[in-house]
Structure formats: C-alpha cells, structure tokens
Amino acid sequence: MHPTISYLKHKNLLWQAHHTQQSDNGQHTGFKELDNALQGGFPEYGVIDIRSLLGIGELRLLLPSILTRQQQRQTELVTLIAPPMSINSEMLAEFGFALDQVMVVQPALTQQVLWSAEQSLKSGCCHSVILWHASLSVTQVKRLQLAAEKGHCLLFIIRQPRQEHISLPVTLGIRLSPSRVGIKAQITKRKGSWSNTSFNIYMGAYWPELSQAEDTNILTFPSRASRAG
C-alpha cells in the first residue's frame, strides 16, 4: 500500500466505500431506528444540520437525546434560539425536562441570531443548542463548529428543506419528511459513511397519541405537544 494512503487511513482522513466508521461515543437518540442508522447515536458535540418542514415532529425527535444530556450535565442549559413557534413548556415538563434549565432566546434582530448561538455554544454553560435559521454560509458553520468544540456542546440547526448546491461542513446531516408512523429520515452527511436510504422512525413509544386513525387514514397529533413541533 502506498505510504500516503496508509498515513491517511491511520489518521482517519480517508473514507472507503466498503467501510463504515463506528461511533465510539455516540449519544443514543432514544429511537432505535435512528441509532441503528447512525451506528450508535448523535455525536457528543458538533453541528447537526436538520432539513425539515415545520411541525412534522422535528423537535420531538430531539427531545429524548437532549433530556438524557440534561440529566447527565445537570448544571448546564439547553438553549432554543429563534424558534418560529411557541415552545410548549407544559409538554417539556411532562416529558421530564427541568424548566429552569431550558432557555429560549428570541433575538430582536436577525444578525443577533448567529451571535447568540455562537456565544451559547462556546460559553461552557450549555450542553445543547437548537437553532432555527433559514440559510448559513460555510464560514458561519465553521465558526459555529469551532464554538461547539470549545464549549463541548451539541448544536442542532433546523432549516427548511430547500435545494442548495453548497455542502456545509457539519458533523451530521439529516433530512426529515412526514410519515404515517411518526417521521421519515434520511442521513445525508456523516463522517465515515455514506447512505441515501430513507427509513421510518416510530414515535409511539413516547407519544402513543401520535398514531394513524384506522378509519379515517389521517395522522392524529396530541393537542398539548402540537405547538412544539
């Protein structure tokens, strides 16, 4: 084998189509289908890009993992920045969150949104940050990635599923779409692997009300949680 190739493989800088890198310290997502697709779970820190329509269950998908992080890092916060909907505190409390460790930031100016995210990430006071933002540049994502590494924090960016030609330097990319059984997911970017296969994530274990009505063929949502995505 060529010495350059050996060096790159040793440094985990070379990806091979037949090889998928295992996640050594992944944080379980709370959903076995997603854990299996990620071969462990979410990364401990970094930037996760989630492309999703609003209100299809995208926030619910993150709650089990974030709750686990809150229980493990009890003195730190989960911060929600610029959410486009009202966050249902009653639903969060019923799910098990300590509300005094949940902070919602709604900047008055658009240019303050990314500043708030960067400061939260690198402060060392947050274990998780959820950011709603329409469009990001490569430079902006690199700054957020560095801030997340500095603060040992996990950033979830939720964006609309628009077509973009620029590949952002994120740790993980996931595309979500509605499903009759919960939500459909596709891993679009992940270090050490490649997959275009879509799969269903079943949410009935946490929200049994989130089920398909057999006679009407309509997806039924619980009223308390519907405002929180």
C-alpha atoms as a PDB file:
ATOM      1  CA  MET A   1       0.000   0.000   0.000  1.00  0.00           C
ATOM      2  CA  HIS A   2       1.241   3.478  -0.827  1.00  0.00           C
ATOM      3  CA  PRO A   3       2.680   5.218   2.311  1.00  0.00           C
ATOM      4  CA  THR A   4       0.474   8.302   1.776  1.00  0.00           C
ATOM      5  CA  ILE A   5      -2.668   6.155   1.746  1.00  0.00           C
ATOM      6  CA  SER A   6      -1.527   4.320   4.867  1.00  0.00           C
ATOM      7  CA  TYR A   7      -0.923   7.622   6.642  1.00  0.00           C
ATOM      8  CA  LEU A   8      -4.364   8.975   5.702  1.00  0.00           C
ATOM      9  CA  LYS A   9      -6.086   5.769   6.865  1.00  0.00           C
ATOM     10  CA  HIS A  10      -4.200   5.849  10.157  1.00  0.00           C
ATOM     11  CA  LYS A  11      -5.355   9.436  10.758  1.00  0.00           C
ATOM     12  CA  ASN A  12      -8.968   8.552   9.795  1.00  0.00           C
ATOM     13  CA  LEU A  13      -8.723  11.061   6.940  1.00  0.00           C
ATOM     14  CA  LEU A  14      -9.559   8.565   4.207  1.00  0.00           C
ATOM     15  CA  TRP A  15     -13.045   7.184   3.674  1.00  0.00           C
ATOM     16  CA  GLN A  16     -13.561   3.891   1.825  1.00  0.00           C
ATOM     17  CA  ALA A  17     -16.833   2.946   0.200  1.00  0.00           C
ATOM     18  CA  HIS A  18     -16.889  -0.532   1.786  1.00  0.00           C
ATOM     19  CA  HIS A  19     -16.019   0.762   5.256  1.00  0.00           C
ATOM     20  CA  THR A  20     -18.272   2.485   7.757  1.00  0.00           C
ATOM     21  CA  GLN A  21     -16.666   4.054  10.789  1.00  0.00           C
ATOM     22  CA  GLN A  22     -18.193   3.086  14.107  1.00  0.00           C
ATOM     23  CA  SER A  23     -19.294   5.787  16.514  1.00  0.00           C
ATOM     24  CA  ASP A  24     -17.264   5.309  19.714  1.00  0.00           C
ATOM     25  CA  ASN A  25     -19.034   7.765  21.978  1.00  0.00           C
ATOM     26  CA  GLY A  26     -22.380   8.397  20.348  1.00  0.00           C
ATOM     27  CA  GLN A  27     -25.275   9.682  22.430  1.00  0.00           C
ATOM     28  CA  HIS A  28     -28.315   7.446  21.975  1.00  0.00           C
ATOM     29  CA  THR A  29     -31.120   9.311  20.227  1.00  0.00           C
ATOM     30  CA  GLY A  30     -33.908   7.466  22.017  1.00  0.00           C
ATOM     31  CA  PHE A  31     -35.112   5.926  18.743  1.00  0.00           C
ATOM     32  CA  LYS A  32     -33.643   2.548  17.780  1.00  0.00           C
ATOM     33  CA  GLU A  33     -34.158   3.124  14.049  1.00  0.00           C
ATOM     34  CA  LEU A  34     -32.095   6.315  14.156  1.00  0.00           C
ATOM     35  CA  ASP A  35     -29.473   4.794  16.459  1.00  0.00           C
ATOM     36  CA  ASN A  36     -29.026   1.916  14.006  1.00  0.00           C
ATOM     37  CA  ALA A  37     -28.665   4.278  11.049  1.00  0.00           C
ATOM     38  CA  LEU A  38     -26.071   6.322  12.953  1.00  0.00           C
ATOM     39  CA  GLN A  39     -24.379   3.213  14.361  1.00  0.00           C
ATOM     40  CA  GLY A  40     -24.649   4.478  17.911  1.00  0.00           C
ATOM     41  CA  GLY A  41     -26.373   7.839  18.062  1.00  0.00           C
ATOM     42  CA  PHE A  42     -25.759  11.560  17.889  1.00  0.00           C
ATOM     43  CA  PRO A  43     -22.177  12.827  18.304  1.00  0.00           C
ATOM     44  CA  GLU A  44     -21.211  14.130  21.741  1.00  0.00           C
ATOM     45  CA  TYR A  45     -20.634  17.604  20.319  1.00  0.00           C
ATOM     46  CA  GLY A  46     -20.535  19.356  16.949  1.00  0.00           C
ATOM     47  CA  VAL A  47     -23.098  20.648  14.450  1.00  0.00           C
ATOM     48  CA  ILE A  48     -26.092  18.644  13.206  1.00  0.00           C
ATOM     49  CA  ASP A  49     -27.931  20.045  10.189  1.00  0.00           C
ATOM     50  CA  ILE A  50     -31.605  19.035  10.141  1.00  0.00           C
ATOM     51  CA  ARG A  51     -33.588  19.825   6.993  1.00  0.00           C
ATOM     52  CA  SER A  52     -37.273  19.613   7.802  1.00  0.00           C
ATOM     53  CA  LEU A  53     -40.669  21.139   7.241  1.00  0.00           C
ATOM     54  CA  LEU A  54     -42.059  22.802  10.343  1.00  0.00           C
ATOM     55  CA  GLY A  55     -44.410  20.944  12.645  1.00  0.00           C
ATOM     56  CA  ILE A  56     -43.847  17.370  11.440  1.00  0.00           C
ATOM     57  CA  GLY A  57     -42.225  16.178  14.680  1.00  0.00           C
ATOM     58  CA  GLU A  58     -38.719  17.559  14.171  1.00  0.00           C
ATOM     59  CA  LEU A  59     -38.452  18.925  17.723  1.00  0.00           C
ATOM     60  CA  ARG A  60     -39.923  15.767  19.279  1.00  0.00           C
ATOM     61  CA  LEU A  61     -37.224  13.782  17.518  1.00  0.00           C
ATOM     62  CA  LEU A  62     -34.539  15.609  19.513  1.00  0.00           C
ATOM     63  CA  LEU A  63     -36.174  15.580  22.945  1.00  0.00           C
ATOM     64  CA  PRO A  64     -35.145  12.107  24.241  1.00  0.00           C
ATOM     65  CA  SER A  65     -31.466  12.707  23.493  1.00  0.00           C
ATOM     66  CA  ILE A  66     -31.480  16.248  24.880  1.00  0.00           C
ATOM     67  CA  LEU A  67     -33.263  15.093  28.034  1.00  0.00           C
ATOM     68  CA  THR A  68     -30.535  12.488  28.576  1.00  0.00           C
ATOM     69  CA  ARG A  69     -27.887  15.188  28.179  1.00  0.00           C
ATOM     70  CA  GLN A  70     -29.740  17.382  30.705  1.00  0.00           C
ATOM     71  CA  GLN A  71     -29.785  14.548  33.211  1.00  0.00           C
ATOM     72  CA  GLN A  72     -26.070  13.892  32.694  1.00  0.00           C
ATOM     73  CA  ARG A  73     -24.990  17.551  32.790  1.00  0.00           C
ATOM     74  CA  GLN A  74     -27.422  18.939  35.333  1.00  0.00           C
ATOM     75  CA  THR A  75     -25.831  22.361  35.805  1.00  0.00           C
ATOM     76  CA  GLU A  76     -25.930  23.211  32.089  1.00  0.00           C
ATOM     77  CA  LEU A  77     -28.689  24.562  29.844  1.00  0.00           C
ATOM     78  CA  VAL A  78     -30.481  23.596  26.681  1.00  0.00           C
ATOM     79  CA  THR A  79     -30.950  26.791  24.669  1.00  0.00           C
ATOM     80  CA  LEU A  80     -33.516  27.272  21.908  1.00  0.00           C
ATOM     81  CA  ILE A  81     -32.718  30.201  19.611  1.00  0.00           C
ATOM     82  CA  ALA A  82     -35.206  31.931  17.290  1.00  0.00           C
ATOM     83  CA  PRO A  83     -37.899  29.219  17.325  1.00  0.00           C
ATOM     84  CA  PRO A  84     -40.638  30.031  14.772  1.00  0.00           C
ATOM     85  CA  MET A  85     -43.319  28.570  17.032  1.00  0.00           C
ATOM     86  CA  SER A  86     -44.364  28.845  20.675  1.00  0.00           C
ATOM     87  CA  ILE A  87     -42.451  26.334  22.771  1.00  0.00           C
ATOM     88  CA  ASN A  88     -44.895  24.302  24.859  1.00  0.00           C
ATOM     89  CA  SER A  89     -43.355  24.349  28.343  1.00  0.00           C
ATOM     90  CA  GLU A  90     -46.082  22.086  29.732  1.00  0.00           C
ATOM     91  CA  MET A  91     -45.179  19.380  27.221  1.00  0.00           C
ATOM     92  CA  LEU A  92     -41.475  19.718  28.078  1.00  0.00           C
ATOM     93  CA  ALA A  93     -42.231  19.408  31.798  1.00  0.00           C
ATOM     94  CA  GLU A  94     -44.427  16.343  31.236  1.00  0.00           C
ATOM     95  CA  PHE A  95     -41.616  14.779  29.206  1.00  0.00           C
ATOM     96  CA  GLY A  96     -39.250  15.232  32.145  1.00  0.00           C
ATOM     97  CA  PHE A  97     -37.351  18.455  31.478  1.00  0.00           C
ATOM     98  CA  ALA A  98     -36.322  20.751  34.320  1.00  0.00           C
ATOM     99  CA  LEU A  99     -37.711  24.023  33.007  1.00  0.00           C
ATOM    100  CA  ASP A 100     -35.212  26.149  34.934  1.00  0.00           C
ATOM    101  CA  GLN A 101     -32.551  24.599  32.692  1.00  0.00           C
ATOM    102  CA  VAL A 102     -34.356  25.455  29.450  1.00  0.00           C
ATOM    103  CA  MET A 103     -33.692  28.879  27.929  1.00  0.00           C
ATOM    104  CA  VAL A 104     -35.484  30.379  24.941  1.00  0.00           C
ATOM    105  CA  VAL A 105     -33.703  33.221  23.131  1.00  0.00           C
ATOM    106  CA  GLN A 106     -35.653  35.305  20.642  1.00  0.00           C
ATOM    107  CA  PRO A 107     -33.270  37.978  19.244  1.00  0.00           C
ATOM    108  CA  ALA A 108     -34.853  41.223  18.081  1.00  0.00           C
ATOM    109  CA  LEU A 109     -32.555  41.477  15.055  1.00  0.00           C
ATOM    110  CA  THR A 110     -31.705  38.781  12.524  1.00  0.00           C
ATOM    111  CA  GLN A 111     -27.973  39.474  12.775  1.00  0.00           C
ATOM    112  CA  GLN A 112     -28.120  38.708  16.502  1.00  0.00           C
ATOM    113  CA  VAL A 113     -29.295  35.132  15.941  1.00  0.00           C
ATOM    114  CA  LEU A 114     -25.934  33.637  14.955  1.00  0.00           C
ATOM    115  CA  TRP A 115     -24.132  35.736  17.569  1.00  0.00           C
ATOM    116  CA  SER A 116     -26.447  34.303  20.251  1.00  0.00           C
ATOM    117  CA  ALA A 117     -25.794  30.783  19.007  1.00  0.00           C
ATOM    118  CA  GLU A 118     -22.021  31.204  18.958  1.00  0.00           C
ATOM    119  CA  GLN A 119     -21.926  32.709  22.449  1.00  0.00           C
ATOM    120  CA  SER A 120     -24.152  29.944  23.841  1.00  0.00           C
ATOM    121  CA  LEU A 121     -22.027  27.220  22.260  1.00  0.00           C
ATOM    122  CA  LYS A 122     -18.640  28.389  23.475  1.00  0.00           C
ATOM    123  CA  SER A 123     -19.790  29.596  26.905  1.00  0.00           C
ATOM    124  CA  GLY A 124     -19.477  26.174  28.525  1.00  0.00           C
ATOM    125  CA  CYS A 125     -22.912  26.735  30.105  1.00  0.00           C
ATOM    126  CA  CYS A 126     -24.928  24.743  27.544  1.00  0.00           C
ATOM    127  CA  HIS A 127     -24.982  21.059  26.700  1.00  0.00           C
ATOM    128  CA  SER A 128     -27.309  21.529  23.707  1.00  0.00           C
ATOM    129  CA  VAL A 129     -28.398  24.395  21.459  1.00  0.00           C
ATOM    130  CA  ILE A 130     -31.249  24.272  18.954  1.00  0.00           C
ATOM    131  CA  LEU A 131     -31.113  26.984  16.304  1.00  0.00           C
ATOM    132  CA  TRP A 132     -33.752  27.771  13.698  1.00  0.00           C
ATOM    133  CA  HIS A 133     -32.144  29.553  10.749  1.00  0.00           C
ATOM    134  CA  ALA A 134     -33.015  29.906   7.085  1.00  0.00           C
ATOM    135  CA  SER A 135     -29.612  29.923   5.413  1.00  0.00           C
ATOM    136  CA  LEU A 136     -26.000  29.569   6.504  1.00  0.00           C
ATOM    137  CA  SER A 137     -22.668  30.040   4.763  1.00  0.00           C
ATOM    138  CA  VAL A 138     -19.667  27.732   5.017  1.00  0.00           C
ATOM    139  CA  THR A 139     -17.802  30.363   7.046  1.00  0.00           C
ATOM    140  CA  GLN A 140     -20.666  30.750   9.512  1.00  0.00           C
ATOM    141  CA  VAL A 141     -20.942  26.987  10.035  1.00  0.00           C
ATOM    142  CA  LYS A 142     -17.188  26.718  10.608  1.00  0.00           C
ATOM    143  CA  ARG A 143     -17.430  29.377  13.338  1.00  0.00           C
ATOM    144  CA  LEU A 144     -20.313  27.500  14.963  1.00  0.00           C
ATOM    145  CA  GLN A 145     -18.417  24.219  14.695  1.00  0.00           C
ATOM    146  CA  LEU A 146     -15.397  25.707  16.461  1.00  0.00           C
ATOM    147  CA  ALA A 147     -17.624  27.216  19.152  1.00  0.00           C
ATOM    148  CA  ALA A 148     -19.347  23.854  19.713  1.00  0.00           C
ATOM    149  CA  GLU A 149     -15.982  22.118  20.084  1.00  0.00           C
ATOM    150  CA  LYS A 150     -14.756  24.778  22.509  1.00  0.00           C
ATOM    151  CA  GLY A 151     -17.845  24.529  24.717  1.00  0.00           C
ATOM    152  CA  HIS A 152     -18.233  20.746  24.258  1.00  0.00           C
ATOM    153  CA  CYS A 153     -21.784  21.441  23.117  1.00  0.00           C
ATOM    154  CA  LEU A 154     -24.106  19.924  20.511  1.00  0.00           C
ATOM    155  CA  LEU A 155     -25.805  22.283  18.049  1.00  0.00           C
ATOM    156  CA  PHE A 156     -28.917  21.284  16.111  1.00  0.00           C
ATOM    157  CA  ILE A 157     -29.698  23.609  13.184  1.00  0.00           C
ATOM    158  CA  ILE A 158     -33.261  23.223  11.882  1.00  0.00           C
ATOM    159  CA  ARG A 159     -33.787  24.559   8.369  1.00  0.00           C
ATOM    160  CA  GLN A 160     -36.343  24.278   5.584  1.00  0.00           C
ATOM    161  CA  PRO A 161     -35.512  21.542   3.014  1.00  0.00           C
ATOM    162  CA  ARG A 162     -34.542  23.868   0.158  1.00  0.00           C
ATOM    163  CA  GLN A 163     -32.227  22.818  -2.649  1.00  0.00           C
ATOM    164  CA  GLU A 164     -28.662  24.011  -2.068  1.00  0.00           C
ATOM    165  CA  HIS A 165     -25.518  23.356  -4.054  1.00  0.00           C
ATOM    166  CA  ILE A 166     -23.099  24.115  -1.197  1.00  0.00           C
ATOM    167  CA  SER A 167     -22.116  21.280   1.143  1.00  0.00           C
ATOM    168  CA  LEU A 168     -21.830  22.680   4.645  1.00  0.00           C
ATOM    169  CA  PRO A 169     -19.024  21.437   6.937  1.00  0.00           C
ATOM    170  CA  VAL A 170     -21.358  19.913   9.540  1.00  0.00           C
ATOM    171  CA  THR A 171     -20.768  16.852  11.698  1.00  0.00           C
ATOM    172  CA  LEU A 172     -24.035  15.222  10.667  1.00  0.00           C
ATOM    173  CA  GLY A 173     -26.814  15.973   8.161  1.00  0.00           C
ATOM    174  CA  ILE A 174     -30.367  14.604   8.376  1.00  0.00           C
ATOM    175  CA  ARG A 175     -33.354  15.239   6.103  1.00  0.00           C
ATOM    176  CA  LEU A 176     -36.834  14.686   7.597  1.00  0.00           C
ATOM    177  CA  SER A 177     -40.241  14.264   5.999  1.00  0.00           C
ATOM    178  CA  PRO A 178     -43.720  13.300   7.274  1.00  0.00           C
ATOM    179  CA  SER A 179     -44.635   9.669   7.821  1.00  0.00           C
ATOM    180  CA  ARG A 180     -47.844   7.958   8.901  1.00  0.00           C
ATOM    181  CA  VAL A 181     -45.978   6.135  11.679  1.00  0.00           C
ATOM    182  CA  GLY A 182     -44.008   9.116  13.001  1.00  0.00           C
ATOM    183  CA  ILE A 183     -41.328  10.640  10.816  1.00  0.00           C
ATOM    184  CA  LYS A 184     -39.167   9.576   7.863  1.00  0.00           C
ATOM    185  CA  ALA A 185     -35.439  10.284   7.978  1.00  0.00           C
ATOM    186  CA  GLN A 186     -32.519  10.198   5.578  1.00  0.00           C
ATOM    187  CA  ILE A 187     -28.889  10.584   6.624  1.00  0.00           C
ATOM    188  CA  THR A 188     -27.428  12.997   4.073  1.00  0.00           C
ATOM    189  CA  LYS A 189     -23.990  13.513   5.612  1.00  0.00           C
ATOM    190  CA  ARG A 190     -21.984  11.677   8.231  1.00  0.00           C
ATOM    191  CA  LYS A 191     -18.284  11.322   8.850  1.00  0.00           C
ATOM    192  CA  GLY A 192     -17.019   7.896   7.880  1.00  0.00           C
ATOM    193  CA  SER A 193     -20.085   6.684   5.989  1.00  0.00           C
ATOM    194  CA  TRP A 194     -22.441   7.249   3.102  1.00  0.00           C
ATOM    195  CA  SER A 195     -26.136   6.432   2.940  1.00  0.00           C
ATOM    196  CA  ASN A 196     -29.102   7.614   0.889  1.00  0.00           C
ATOM    197  CA  THR A 197     -31.625   5.155   2.286  1.00  0.00           C
ATOM    198  CA  SER A 198     -34.737   6.602   3.923  1.00  0.00           C
ATOM    199  CA  PHE A 199     -36.221   4.903   6.977  1.00  0.00           C
ATOM    200  CA  ASN A 200     -39.175   5.407   9.299  1.00  0.00           C
ATOM    201  CA  ILE A 201     -38.785   6.456  12.926  1.00  0.00           C
ATOM    202  CA  TYR A 202     -41.625   5.266  15.149  1.00  0.00           C
ATOM    203  CA  MET A 203     -42.645   7.713  17.879  1.00  0.00           C
ATOM    204  CA  GLY A 204     -45.400   5.707  19.523  1.00  0.00           C
ATOM    205  CA  ALA A 205     -43.213   4.681  22.489  1.00  0.00           C
ATOM    206  CA  TYR A 206     -43.130   8.300  23.685  1.00  0.00           C
ATOM    207  CA  TRP A 207     -46.328   9.648  22.158  1.00  0.00           C
ATOM    208  CA  PRO A 208     -48.899   6.858  21.705  1.00  0.00           C
ATOM    209  CA  GLU A 209     -51.431   9.534  20.726  1.00  0.00           C
ATOM    210  CA  LEU A 210     -49.319  10.193  17.616  1.00  0.00           C
ATOM    211  CA  SER A 211     -50.973   7.488  15.586  1.00  0.00           C
ATOM    212  CA  GLN A 212     -52.852   6.930  12.390  1.00  0.00           C
ATOM    213  CA  ALA A 213     -56.623   6.758  12.754  1.00  0.00           C
ATOM    214  CA  GLU A 214     -57.546   3.428  11.183  1.00  0.00           C
ATOM    215  CA  ASP A 215     -60.913   4.504   9.793  1.00  0.00           C
ATOM    216  CA  THR A 216     -60.013   7.979   8.539  1.00  0.00           C
ATOM    217  CA  ASN A 217     -56.428   7.365   7.350  1.00  0.00           C
ATOM    218  CA  ILE A 218     -55.425  10.666   8.985  1.00  0.00           C
ATOM    219  CA  LEU A 219     -52.451  11.270  11.233  1.00  0.00           C
ATOM    220  CA  THR A 220     -53.632  12.356  14.679  1.00  0.00           C
ATOM    221  CA  PHE A 221     -51.459  14.585  16.879  1.00  0.00           C
ATOM    222  CA  PRO A 222     -51.778  15.172  20.647  1.00  0.00           C
ATOM    223  CA  SER A 223     -53.015  18.710  21.258  1.00  0.00           C
ATOM    224  CA  ARG A 224     -50.517  19.582  24.023  1.00  0.00           C
ATOM    225  CA  ALA A 225     -47.439  18.713  22.005  1.00  0.00           C
ATOM    226  CA  SER A 226     -48.573  20.017  18.622  1.00  0.00           C
ATOM    227  CA  ARG A 227     -47.290  23.538  19.232  1.00  0.00           C
ATOM    228  CA  ALA A 228     -43.767  22.323  19.921  1.00  0.00           C
ATOM    229  CA  GLY A 229     -43.062  20.590  16.591  1.00  0.00           C
END
